[in-house]
PDB file of N, CA and C in Angstrom:
ATOM      1  N   MET A   1      20.758   0.722  -6.712  1.00  0.00           N
ATOM      2  CA  MET A   1      20.536  -0.009  -7.944  1.00  0.00           C
ATOM      3  C   MET A   1      21.062   0.781  -9.140  1.00  0.00           C
ATOM      4  N   ALA A   2      21.765   0.126 -10.009  1.00  0.00           N
ATOM      5  CA  ALA A   2      22.280   0.763 -11.222  1.00  0.00           C
ATOM      6  C   ALA A   2      21.153   0.938 -12.231  1.00  0.00           C
ATOM      7  N   ALA A   3      21.168   2.077 -12.903  1.00  0.00           N
ATOM      8  CA  ALA A   3      20.106   2.349 -13.871  1.00  0.00           C
ATOM      9  C   ALA A   3      20.660   3.044 -15.110  1.00  0.00           C
ATOM     10  N   HIS A   4      20.020   2.763 -16.218  1.00  0.00           N
ATOM     11  CA  HIS A   4      20.268   3.453 -17.480  1.00  0.00           C
ATOM     12  C   HIS A   4      19.260   4.590 -17.543  1.00  0.00           C
ATOM     13  N   GLN A   5      19.642   5.687 -18.177  1.00  0.00           N
ATOM     14  CA  GLN A   5      18.737   6.817 -18.281  1.00  0.00           C
ATOM     15  C   GLN A   5      18.535   7.167 -19.751  1.00  0.00           C
ATOM     16  N   PHE A   6      17.299   7.520 -20.074  1.00  0.00           N
ATOM     17  CA  PHE A   6      16.901   7.827 -21.442  1.00  0.00           C
ATOM     18  C   PHE A   6      16.127   9.146 -21.460  1.00  0.00           C
ATOM     19  N   ALA A   7      16.269   9.897 -22.559  1.00  0.00           N
ATOM     20  CA  ALA A   7      15.501  11.131 -22.725  1.00  0.00           C
ATOM     21  C   ALA A   7      15.398  11.466 -24.201  1.00  0.00           C
ATOM     22  N   ILE A   8      14.377  12.231 -24.529  1.00  0.00           N
ATOM     23  CA  ILE A   8      14.237  12.774 -25.877  1.00  0.00           C
ATOM     24  C   ILE A   8      15.153  13.989 -25.976  1.00  0.00           C
ATOM     25  N   MET A   9      15.909  14.050 -27.056  1.00  0.00           N
ATOM     26  CA  MET A   9      16.808  15.188 -27.266  1.00  0.00           C
ATOM     27  C   MET A   9      16.022  16.357 -27.846  1.00  0.00           C
ATOM     28  N   ASN A  10      16.287  17.545 -27.337  1.00  0.00           N
ATOM     29  CA  ASN A  10      15.586  18.744 -27.789  1.00  0.00           C
ATOM     30  C   ASN A  10      16.001  19.171 -29.182  1.00  0.00           C
ATOM     31  N   LYS A  11      17.256  18.881 -29.529  1.00  0.00           N
ATOM     32  CA  LYS A  11      17.733  19.239 -30.865  1.00  0.00           C
ATOM     33  C   LYS A  11      18.438  18.043 -31.483  1.00  0.00           C
ATOM     34  N   THR A  12      18.440  18.012 -32.787  1.00  0.00           N
ATOM     35  CA  THR A  12      19.091  16.934 -33.517  1.00  0.00           C
ATOM     36  C   THR A  12      20.602  17.114 -33.434  1.00  0.00           C
ATOM     37  N   PRO A  13      21.327  16.072 -32.988  1.00  0.00           N
ATOM     38  CA  PRO A  13      22.791  16.198 -32.940  1.00  0.00           C
ATOM     39  C   PRO A  13      23.371  16.358 -34.339  1.00  0.00           C
ATOM     40  N   LYS A  14      24.408  17.151 -34.432  1.00  0.00           N
ATOM     41  CA  LYS A  14      25.057  17.429 -35.715  1.00  0.00           C
ATOM     42  C   LYS A  14      26.459  16.830 -35.735  1.00  0.00           C
ATOM     43  N   GLU A  15      26.976  16.622 -36.945  1.00  0.00           N
ATOM     44  CA  GLU A  15      28.341  16.129 -37.097  1.00  0.00           C
ATOM     45  C   GLU A  15      29.285  17.053 -36.342  1.00  0.00           C
ATOM     46  N   GLY A  16      30.261  16.450 -35.672  1.00  0.00           N
ATOM     47  CA  GLY A  16      31.238  17.218 -34.923  1.00  0.00           C
ATOM     48  C   GLY A  16      30.850  17.503 -33.483  1.00  0.00           C
ATOM     49  N   GLU A  17      29.566  17.383 -33.154  1.00  0.00           N
ATOM     50  CA  GLU A  17      29.136  17.569 -31.767  1.00  0.00           C
ATOM     51  C   GLU A  17      29.391  16.266 -31.006  1.00  0.00           C
ATOM     52  N   ILE A  18      30.021  16.391 -29.862  1.00  0.00           N
ATOM     53  CA  ILE A  18      30.340  15.214 -29.048  1.00  0.00           C
ATOM     54  C   ILE A  18      29.573  15.298 -27.737  1.00  0.00           C
ATOM     55  N   TYR A  19      28.920  14.221 -27.403  1.00  0.00           N
ATOM     56  CA  TYR A  19      28.160  14.114 -26.171  1.00  0.00           C
ATOM     57  C   TYR A  19      28.927  13.187 -25.231  1.00  0.00           C
ATOM     58  N   ASP A  20      29.865  13.765 -24.498  1.00  0.00           N
ATOM     59  CA  ASP A  20      30.706  12.991 -23.586  1.00  0.00           C
ATOM     60  C   ASP A  20      30.377  13.249 -22.125  1.00  0.00           C
ATOM     61  N   ASP A  21      29.553  14.237 -21.854  1.00  0.00           N
ATOM     62  CA  ASP A  21      29.272  14.617 -20.476  1.00  0.00           C
ATOM     63  C   ASP A  21      27.862  14.219 -20.073  1.00  0.00           C
ATOM     64  N   TYR A  22      27.750  13.802 -18.827  1.00  0.00           N
ATOM     65  CA  TYR A  22      26.447  13.514 -18.249  1.00  0.00           C
ATOM     66  C   TYR A  22      25.802  14.849 -17.900  1.00  0.00           C
ATOM     67  N   GLU A  23      24.707  15.181 -18.581  1.00  0.00           N
ATOM     68  CA  GLU A  23      24.052  16.473 -18.404  1.00  0.00           C
ATOM     69  C   GLU A  23      22.553  16.296 -18.100  1.00  0.00           C
ATOM     70  N   PRO A  24      22.244  15.786 -16.913  1.00  0.00           N
ATOM     71  CA  PRO A  24      20.831  15.513 -16.595  1.00  0.00           C
ATOM     72  C   PRO A  24      19.961  16.761 -16.562  1.00  0.00           C
ATOM     73  N   GLU A  25      20.563  17.913 -16.333  1.00  0.00           N
ATOM     74  CA  GLU A  25      19.788  19.153 -16.268  1.00  0.00           C
ATOM     75  C   GLU A  25      19.224  19.561 -17.628  1.00  0.00           C
ATOM     76  N   LYS A  26      19.765  18.992 -18.698  1.00  0.00           N
ATOM     77  CA  LYS A  26      19.308  19.336 -20.052  1.00  0.00           C
ATOM     78  C   LYS A  26      18.094  18.533 -20.499  1.00  0.00           C
ATOM     79  N   TYR A  27      17.795  17.442 -19.806  1.00  0.00           N
ATOM     80  CA  TYR A  27      16.793  16.497 -20.298  1.00  0.00           C
ATOM     81  C   TYR A  27      15.812  16.083 -19.203  1.00  0.00           C
ATOM     82  N   ASP A  28      14.663  15.620 -19.640  1.00  0.00           N
ATOM     83  CA  ASP A  28      13.677  15.018 -18.752  1.00  0.00           C
ATOM     84  C   ASP A  28      13.921  13.511 -18.785  1.00  0.00           C
ATOM     85  N   LEU A  29      14.831  13.050 -17.941  1.00  0.00           N
ATOM     86  CA  LEU A  29      15.296  11.661 -17.975  1.00  0.00           C
ATOM     87  C   LEU A  29      14.339  10.698 -17.293  1.00  0.00           C
ATOM     88  N   ILE A  30      14.289   9.493 -17.850  1.00  0.00           N
ATOM     89  CA  ILE A  30      13.615   8.389 -17.167  1.00  0.00           C
ATOM     90  C   ILE A  30      14.681   7.323 -16.918  1.00  0.00           C
ATOM     91  N   ALA A  31      14.539   6.621 -15.814  1.00  0.00           N
ATOM     92  CA  ALA A  31      15.511   5.591 -15.447  1.00  0.00           C
ATOM     93  C   ALA A  31      14.926   4.205 -15.696  1.00  0.00           C
ATOM     94  N   VAL A  32      15.779   3.308 -16.187  1.00  0.00           N
ATOM     95  CA  VAL A  32      15.414   1.904 -16.378  1.00  0.00           C
ATOM     96  C   VAL A  32      16.475   1.084 -15.661  1.00  0.00           C
ATOM     97  N   ASP A  33      16.039   0.277 -14.735  1.00  0.00           N
ATOM     98  CA  ASP A  33      16.956  -0.530 -13.933  1.00  0.00           C
ATOM     99  C   ASP A  33      17.800  -1.445 -14.811  1.00  0.00           C
ATOM    100  N   ASP A  34      19.071  -1.544 -14.482  1.00  0.00           N
ATOM    101  CA  ASP A  34      19.981  -2.401 -15.241  1.00  0.00           C
ATOM    102  C   ASP A  34      19.530  -3.861 -15.222  1.00  0.00           C
ATOM    103  N   ASP A  35      18.841  -4.275 -14.173  1.00  0.00           N
ATOM    104  CA  ASP A  35      18.338  -5.658 -14.108  1.00  0.00           C
ATOM    105  C   ASP A  35      17.345  -5.953 -15.231  1.00  0.00           C
ATOM    106  N   LEU A  36      16.678  -4.938 -15.754  1.00  0.00           N
ATOM    107  CA  LEU A  36      15.767  -5.117 -16.887  1.00  0.00           C
ATOM    108  C   LEU A  36      16.520  -5.101 -18.215  1.00  0.00           C
ATOM    109  N   ILE A  37      17.552  -4.263 -18.292  1.00  0.00           N
ATOM    110  CA  ILE A  37      18.326  -4.118 -19.531  1.00  0.00           C
ATOM    111  C   ILE A  37      19.207  -5.341 -19.795  1.00  0.00           C
ATOM    112  N   GLN A  38      19.866  -5.833 -18.763  1.00  0.00           N
ATOM    113  CA  GLN A  38      20.835  -6.921 -18.912  1.00  0.00           C
ATOM    114  C   GLN A  38      20.326  -8.116 -19.732  1.00  0.00           C
ATOM    115  N   PRO A  39      19.146  -8.656 -19.434  1.00  0.00           N
ATOM    116  CA  PRO A  39      18.704  -9.857 -20.164  1.00  0.00           C
ATOM    117  C   PRO A  39      18.456  -9.639 -21.661  1.00  0.00           C
ATOM    118  N   ILE A  40      18.216  -8.406 -22.071  1.00  0.00           N
ATOM    119  CA  ILE A  40      17.922  -8.147 -23.491  1.00  0.00           C
ATOM    120  C   ILE A  40      18.984  -7.267 -24.151  1.00  0.00           C
ATOM    121  N   LEU A  41      20.087  -7.043 -23.466  1.00  0.00           N
ATOM    122  CA  LEU A  41      21.132  -6.155 -23.979  1.00  0.00           C
ATOM    123  C   LEU A  41      21.603  -6.558 -25.372  1.00  0.00           C
ATOM    124  N   SER A  42      21.812  -7.836 -25.594  1.00  0.00           N
ATOM    125  CA  SER A  42      22.313  -8.286 -26.904  1.00  0.00           C
ATOM    126  C   SER A  42      21.287  -8.051 -28.012  1.00  0.00           C
ATOM    127  N   GLU A  43      20.016  -8.035 -27.680  1.00  0.00           N
ATOM    128  CA  GLU A  43      18.980  -7.780 -28.687  1.00  0.00           C
ATOM    129  C   GLU A  43      19.077  -6.359 -29.251  1.00  0.00           C
ATOM    130  N   PHE A  44      19.555  -5.440 -28.427  1.00  0.00           N
ATOM    131  CA  PHE A  44      19.707  -4.060 -28.894  1.00  0.00           C
ATOM    132  C   PHE A  44      20.785  -3.942 -29.969  1.00  0.00           C
ATOM    133  N   ASN A  45      21.641  -4.937 -30.103  1.00  0.00           N
ATOM    134  CA  ASN A  45      22.699  -4.899 -31.116  1.00  0.00           C
ATOM    135  C   ASN A  45      22.160  -4.895 -32.542  1.00  0.00           C
ATOM    136  N   THR A  46      20.879  -5.154 -32.716  1.00  0.00           N
ATOM    137  CA  THR A  46      20.262  -5.105 -34.040  1.00  0.00           C
ATOM    138  C   THR A  46      19.820  -3.687 -34.408  1.00  0.00           C
ATOM    139  N   VAL A  47      19.972  -2.752 -33.464  1.00  0.00           N
ATOM    140  CA  VAL A  47      19.512  -1.378 -33.661  1.00  0.00           C
ATOM    141  C   VAL A  47      20.708  -0.476 -33.966  1.00  0.00           C
ATOM    142  N   ASN A  48      20.618   0.263 -35.055  1.00  0.00           N
ATOM    143  CA  ASN A  48      21.678   1.200 -35.441  1.00  0.00           C
ATOM    144  C   ASN A  48      21.618   2.444 -34.570  1.00  0.00           C
ATOM    145  N   CYS A  49      22.736   2.747 -33.942  1.00  0.00           N
ATOM    146  CA  CYS A  49      22.836   3.898 -33.049  1.00  0.00           C
ATOM    147  C   CYS A  49      24.155   4.617 -33.303  1.00  0.00           C
ATOM    148  N   PHE A  50      24.469   5.546 -32.409  1.00  0.00           N
ATOM    149  CA  PHE A  50      25.732   6.270 -32.464  1.00  0.00           C
ATOM    150  C   PHE A  50      26.324   6.320 -31.060  1.00  0.00           C
ATOM    151  N   SER A  51      27.650   6.244 -31.001  1.00  0.00           N
ATOM    152  CA  SER A  51      28.361   6.296 -29.732  1.00  0.00           C
ATOM    153  C   SER A  51      28.928   7.695 -29.523  1.00  0.00           C
ATOM    154  N   HIS A  52      28.332   8.455 -28.626  1.00  0.00           N
ATOM    155  CA  HIS A  52      28.781   9.784 -28.212  1.00  0.00           C
ATOM    156  C   HIS A  52      28.684  10.871 -29.276  1.00  0.00           C
ATOM    157  N   THR A  53      28.598  10.510 -30.562  1.00  0.00           N
ATOM    158  CA  THR A  53      28.544  11.490 -31.643  1.00  0.00           C
ATOM    159  C   THR A  53      27.946  10.816 -32.876  1.00  0.00           C
ATOM    160  N   VAL A  54      27.280  11.591 -33.724  1.00  0.00           N
ATOM    161  CA  VAL A  54      26.728  11.008 -34.954  1.00  0.00           C
ATOM    162  C   VAL A  54      27.829  10.657 -35.946  1.00  0.00           C
ATOM    163  N   ASP A  55      29.056  11.000 -35.601  1.00  0.00           N
ATOM    164  CA  ASP A  55      30.201  10.651 -36.440  1.00  0.00           C
ATOM    165  C   ASP A  55      30.708   9.228 -36.178  1.00  0.00           C
ATOM    166  N   PHE A  56      30.159   8.563 -35.149  1.00  0.00           N
ATOM    167  CA  PHE A  56      30.644   7.235 -34.784  1.00  0.00           C
ATOM    168  C   PHE A  56      29.468   6.251 -34.656  1.00  0.00           C
ATOM    169  N   PRO A  57      29.068   5.633 -35.775  1.00  0.00           N
ATOM    170  CA  PRO A  57      27.962   4.676 -35.725  1.00  0.00           C
ATOM    171  C   PRO A  57      28.330   3.442 -34.898  1.00  0.00           C
ATOM    172  N   CYS A  58      27.331   2.862 -34.290  1.00  0.00           N
ATOM    173  CA  CYS A  58      27.515   1.626 -33.533  1.00  0.00           C
ATOM    174  C   CYS A  58      26.206   0.844 -33.563  1.00  0.00           C
ATOM    175  N   ASN A  59      26.266  -0.365 -33.112  1.00  0.00           N
ATOM    176  CA  ASN A  59      25.053  -1.181 -32.978  1.00  0.00           C
ATOM    177  C   ASN A  59      24.736  -1.342 -31.505  1.00  0.00           C
ATOM    178  N   GLY A  60      23.512  -1.049 -31.143  1.00  0.00           N
ATOM    179  CA  GLY A  60      23.068  -1.245 -29.774  1.00  0.00           C
ATOM    180  C   GLY A  60      23.464  -0.124 -28.838  1.00  0.00           C
ATOM    181  N   LEU A  61      23.173  -0.378 -27.557  1.00  0.00           N
ATOM    182  CA  LEU A  61      23.441   0.614 -26.523  1.00  0.00           C
ATOM    183  C   LEU A  61      24.899   0.591 -26.101  1.00  0.00           C
ATOM    184  N   VAL A  62      25.454   1.761 -25.868  1.00  0.00           N
ATOM    185  CA  VAL A  62      26.787   1.868 -25.280  1.00  0.00           C
ATOM    186  C   VAL A  62      26.564   1.658 -23.783  1.00  0.00           C
ATOM    187  N   TYR A  63      26.891   0.477 -23.312  1.00  0.00           N
ATOM    188  CA  TYR A  63      26.523   0.059 -21.967  1.00  0.00           C
ATOM    189  C   TYR A  63      27.051   1.009 -20.887  1.00  0.00           C
ATOM    190  N   ALA A  64      28.286   1.432 -21.006  1.00  0.00           N
ATOM    191  CA  ALA A  64      28.889   2.286 -19.987  1.00  0.00           C
ATOM    192  C   ALA A  64      29.230   3.658 -20.548  1.00  0.00           C
ATOM    193  N   GLY A  65      28.457   4.113 -21.508  1.00  0.00           N
ATOM    194  CA  GLY A  65      28.712   5.404 -22.119  1.00  0.00           C
ATOM    195  C   GLY A  65      27.426   6.054 -22.572  1.00  0.00           C
ATOM    196  N   ILE A  66      27.541   6.861 -23.593  1.00  0.00           N
ATOM    197  CA  ILE A  66      26.394   7.617 -24.091  1.00  0.00           C
ATOM    198  C   ILE A  66      26.042   7.147 -25.498  1.00  0.00           C
ATOM    199  N   THR A  67      24.769   6.836 -25.682  1.00  0.00           N
ATOM    200  CA  THR A  67      24.260   6.378 -26.971  1.00  0.00           C
ATOM    201  C   THR A  67      23.297   7.422 -27.512  1.00  0.00           C
ATOM    202  N   LEU A  68      23.408   7.698 -28.791  1.00  0.00           N
ATOM    203  CA  LEU A  68      22.435   8.539 -29.482  1.00  0.00           C
ATOM    204  C   LEU A  68      21.625   7.620 -30.383  1.00  0.00           C
ATOM    205  N   ILE A  69      20.335   7.564 -30.146  1.00  0.00           N
ATOM    206  CA  ILE A  69      19.447   6.673 -30.893  1.00  0.00           C
ATOM    207  C   ILE A  69      18.659   7.529 -31.884  1.00  0.00           C
ATOM    208  N   PRO A  70      18.909   7.323 -33.188  1.00  0.00           N
ATOM    209  CA  PRO A  70      18.246   8.154 -34.194  1.00  0.00           C
ATOM    210  C   PRO A  70      16.768   7.800 -34.350  1.00  0.00           C
ATOM    211  N   PRO A  71      15.985   8.723 -34.901  1.00  0.00           N
ATOM    212  CA  PRO A  71      14.552   8.479 -35.079  1.00  0.00           C
ATOM    213  C   PRO A  71      14.241   7.202 -35.860  1.00  0.00           C
ATOM    214  N   ASP A  72      15.056   6.863 -36.854  1.00  0.00           N
ATOM    215  CA  ASP A  72      14.752   5.670 -37.648  1.00  0.00           C
ATOM    216  C   ASP A  72      15.074   4.366 -36.923  1.00  0.00           C
ATOM    217  N   SER A  73      15.641   4.442 -35.727  1.00  0.00           N
ATOM    218  CA  SER A  73      15.921   3.244 -34.936  1.00  0.00           C
ATOM    219  C   SER A  73      14.967   3.075 -33.753  1.00  0.00           C
ATOM    220  N   VAL A  74      14.130   4.068 -33.537  1.00  0.00           N
ATOM    221  CA  VAL A  74      13.226   4.036 -32.391  1.00  0.00           C
ATOM    222  C   VAL A  74      12.255   2.858 -32.480  1.00  0.00           C
ATOM    223  N   CYS A  75      11.729   2.571 -33.663  1.00  0.00           N
ATOM    224  CA  CYS A  75      10.799   1.437 -33.810  1.00  0.00           C
ATOM    225  C   CYS A  75      11.481   0.118 -33.450  1.00  0.00           C
ATOM    226  N   GLY A  76      12.738  -0.022 -33.802  1.00  0.00           N
ATOM    227  CA  GLY A  76      13.483  -1.221 -33.437  1.00  0.00           C
ATOM    228  C   GLY A  76      13.597  -1.371 -31.936  1.00  0.00           C
ATOM    229  N   MET A  77      13.812  -0.268 -31.239  1.00  0.00           N
ATOM    230  CA  MET A  77      13.868  -0.292 -29.771  1.00  0.00           C
ATOM    231  C   MET A  77      12.512  -0.692 -29.197  1.00  0.00           C
ATOM    232  N   ILE A  78      11.459  -0.131 -29.759  1.00  0.00           N
ATOM    233  CA  ILE A  78      10.109  -0.451 -29.285  1.00  0.00           C
ATOM    234  C   ILE A  78       9.837  -1.941 -29.467  1.00  0.00           C
ATOM    235  N   ASN A  79      10.202  -2.485 -30.626  1.00  0.00           N
ATOM    236  CA  ASN A  79       9.967  -3.909 -30.889  1.00  0.00           C
ATOM    237  C   ASN A  79      10.694  -4.798 -29.896  1.00  0.00           C
ATOM    238  N   ILE A  80      11.872  -4.385 -29.461  1.00  0.00           N
ATOM    239  CA  ILE A  80      12.649  -5.193 -28.522  1.00  0.00           C
ATOM    240  C   ILE A  80      12.007  -5.218 -27.139  1.00  0.00           C
ATOM    241  N   ILE A  81      11.542  -4.061 -26.669  1.00  0.00           N
ATOM    242  CA  ILE A  81      10.988  -4.014 -25.315  1.00  0.00           C
ATOM    243  C   ILE A  81       9.504  -4.361 -25.260  1.00  0.00           C
ATOM    244  N   ASP A  82       8.840  -4.368 -26.418  1.00  0.00           N
ATOM    245  CA  ASP A  82       7.402  -4.645 -26.446  1.00  0.00           C
ATOM    246  C   ASP A  82       7.122  -6.021 -25.864  1.00  0.00           C
ATOM    247  N   GLY A  83       6.243  -6.068 -24.925  1.00  0.00           N
ATOM    248  CA  GLY A  83       5.873  -7.334 -24.314  1.00  0.00           C
ATOM    249  C   GLY A  83       6.702  -7.695 -23.094  1.00  0.00           C
ATOM    250  N   ALA A  84       7.849  -7.037 -22.918  1.00  0.00           N
ATOM    251  CA  ALA A  84       8.668  -7.276 -21.726  1.00  0.00           C
ATOM    252  C   ALA A  84       8.137  -6.408 -20.589  1.00  0.00           C
ATOM    253  N   GLY A  85       8.115  -6.931 -19.414  1.00  0.00           N
ATOM    254  CA  GLY A  85       7.609  -6.184 -18.267  1.00  0.00           C
ATOM    255  C   GLY A  85       8.590  -5.142 -17.769  1.00  0.00           C
ATOM    256  N   GLY A  86       8.070  -4.062 -17.204  1.00  0.00           N
ATOM    257  CA  GLY A  86       8.894  -3.050 -16.568  1.00  0.00           C
ATOM    258  C   GLY A  86       9.371  -1.927 -17.467  1.00  0.00           C
ATOM    259  N   PHE A  87       8.968  -1.947 -18.731  1.00  0.00           N
ATOM    260  CA  PHE A  87       9.457  -0.942 -19.676  1.00  0.00           C
ATOM    261  C   PHE A  87       8.393   0.084 -20.067  1.00  0.00           C
ATOM    262  N   GLY A  88       7.350   0.231 -19.267  1.00  0.00           N
ATOM    263  CA  GLY A  88       6.251   1.138 -19.614  1.00  0.00           C
ATOM    264  C   GLY A  88       6.689   2.564 -19.860  1.00  0.00           C
ATOM    265  N   ASP A  89       7.508   3.117 -18.951  1.00  0.00           N
ATOM    266  CA  ASP A  89       7.960   4.498 -19.113  1.00  0.00           C
ATOM    267  C   ASP A  89       8.852   4.647 -20.340  1.00  0.00           C
ATOM    268  N   LEU A  90       9.734   3.674 -20.573  1.00  0.00           N
ATOM    269  CA  LEU A  90      10.605   3.746 -21.740  1.00  0.00           C
ATOM    270  C   LEU A  90       9.802   3.635 -23.025  1.00  0.00           C
ATOM    271  N   LYS A  91       8.822   2.751 -23.040  1.00  0.00           N
ATOM    272  CA  LYS A  91       8.001   2.608 -24.238  1.00  0.00           C
ATOM    273  C   LYS A  91       7.254   3.914 -24.537  1.00  0.00           C
ATOM    274  N   SER A  92       6.719   4.550 -23.517  1.00  0.00           N
ATOM    275  CA  SER A  92       6.023   5.832 -23.706  1.00  0.00           C
ATOM    276  C   SER A  92       6.972   6.889 -24.264  1.00  0.00           C
ATOM    277  N   LEU A  93       8.189   6.938 -23.725  1.00  0.00           N
ATOM    278  CA  LEU A  93       9.187   7.883 -24.209  1.00  0.00           C
ATOM    279  C   LEU A  93       9.534   7.620 -25.665  1.00  0.00           C
ATOM    280  N   LEU A  94       9.736   6.350 -26.002  1.00  0.00           N
ATOM    281  CA  LEU A  94      10.068   5.981 -27.378  1.00  0.00           C
ATOM    282  C   LEU A  94       8.927   6.309 -28.340  1.00  0.00           C
ATOM    283  N   MET A  95       7.706   6.058 -27.922  1.00  0.00           N
ATOM    284  CA  MET A  95       6.547   6.370 -28.772  1.00  0.00           C
ATOM    285  C   MET A  95       6.458   7.882 -29.029  1.00  0.00           C
ATOM    286  N   LYS A  96       6.719   8.676 -28.003  1.00  0.00           N
ATOM    287  CA  LYS A  96       6.690  10.130 -28.159  1.00  0.00           C
ATOM    288  C   LYS A  96       7.798  10.573 -29.118  1.00  0.00           C
ATOM    289  N   ALA A  97       9.000  10.014 -28.957  1.00  0.00           N
ATOM    290  CA  ALA A  97      10.114  10.353 -29.849  1.00  0.00           C
ATOM    291  C   ALA A  97       9.788   9.966 -31.288  1.00  0.00           C
ATOM    292  N   LYS A  98       9.145   8.827 -31.449  1.00  0.00           N
ATOM    293  CA  LYS A  98       8.744   8.379 -32.788  1.00  0.00           C
ATOM    294  C   LYS A  98       7.763   9.369 -33.401  1.00  0.00           C
ATOM    295  N   ASP A  99       6.767   9.755 -32.640  1.00  0.00           N
ATOM    296  CA  ASP A  99       5.761  10.701 -33.134  1.00  0.00           C
ATOM    297  C   ASP A  99       6.359  12.062 -33.487  1.00  0.00           C
ATOM    298  N   GLU A 100       7.394  12.464 -32.738  1.00  0.00           N
ATOM    299  CA  GLU A 100       8.013  13.770 -32.947  1.00  0.00           C
ATOM    300  C   GLU A 100       9.260  13.705 -33.834  1.00  0.00           C
ATOM    301  N   ASN A 101       9.614  12.489 -34.282  1.00  0.00           N
ATOM    302  CA  ASN A 101      10.792  12.285 -35.125  1.00  0.00           C
ATOM    303  C   ASN A 101      12.060  12.850 -34.472  1.00  0.00           C
ATOM    304  N   LYS A 102      12.292  12.464 -33.209  1.00  0.00           N
ATOM    305  CA  LYS A 102      13.408  12.998 -32.427  1.00  0.00           C
ATOM    306  C   LYS A 102      14.385  11.898 -32.041  1.00  0.00           C
ATOM    307  N   PHE A 103      15.621  12.312 -31.796  1.00  0.00           N
ATOM    308  CA  PHE A 103      16.658  11.439 -31.258  1.00  0.00           C
ATOM    309  C   PHE A 103      16.397  11.173 -29.784  1.00  0.00           C
ATOM    310  N   ILE A 104      16.882  10.034 -29.308  1.00  0.00           N
ATOM    311  CA  ILE A 104      16.891   9.691 -27.887  1.00  0.00           C
ATOM    312  C   ILE A 104      18.352   9.681 -27.443  1.00  0.00           C
ATOM    313  N   ILE A 105      18.620  10.193 -26.248  1.00  0.00           N
ATOM    314  CA  ILE A 105      19.942  10.052 -25.646  1.00  0.00           C
ATOM    315  C   ILE A 105      19.842   9.017 -24.543  1.00  0.00           C
ATOM    316  N   HIS A 106      20.829   8.146 -24.477  1.00  0.00           N
ATOM    317  CA  HIS A 106      20.899   7.095 -23.465  1.00  0.00           C
ATOM    318  C   HIS A 106      22.192   7.280 -22.687  1.00  0.00           C
ATOM    319  N   TYR A 107      22.071   7.392 -21.379  1.00  0.00           N
ATOM    320  CA  TYR A 107      23.229   7.402 -20.495  1.00  0.00           C
ATOM    321  C   TYR A 107      23.348   6.022 -19.866  1.00  0.00           C
ATOM    322  N   GLY A 108      24.424   5.344 -20.203  1.00  0.00           N
ATOM    323  CA  GLY A 108      24.665   4.019 -19.641  1.00  0.00           C
ATOM    324  C   GLY A 108      25.191   4.128 -18.217  1.00  0.00           C
ATOM    325  N   LEU A 109      25.609   3.001 -17.710  1.00  0.00           N
ATOM    326  CA  LEU A 109      26.084   2.967 -16.322  1.00  0.00           C
ATOM    327  C   LEU A 109      27.371   3.722 -16.108  1.00  0.00           C
TER     328      LEU A 109
END
């Protein structure tokens, strides 16, 4: 089964830093099945994010790449998944990131 992976970033990404590599050893990743993401993927387009670097803003998740979700967009992510089944672990991760004012990294398919 294909899955998206999410984690809280230990440090705030800076301009010029590029996140192009899959580095699971750096993060405590949680997996969310693509079957859950697919039906609400377009809803994430309302959330301001970054594609691979904070130098490249985008809307929503980079489906087949790396998304950096800033702290001010975490509530938008929570609102999208709230009430949908199967997102318990992701919601907990997002709530923790919100409380700690941290970025989330998303590894797409």
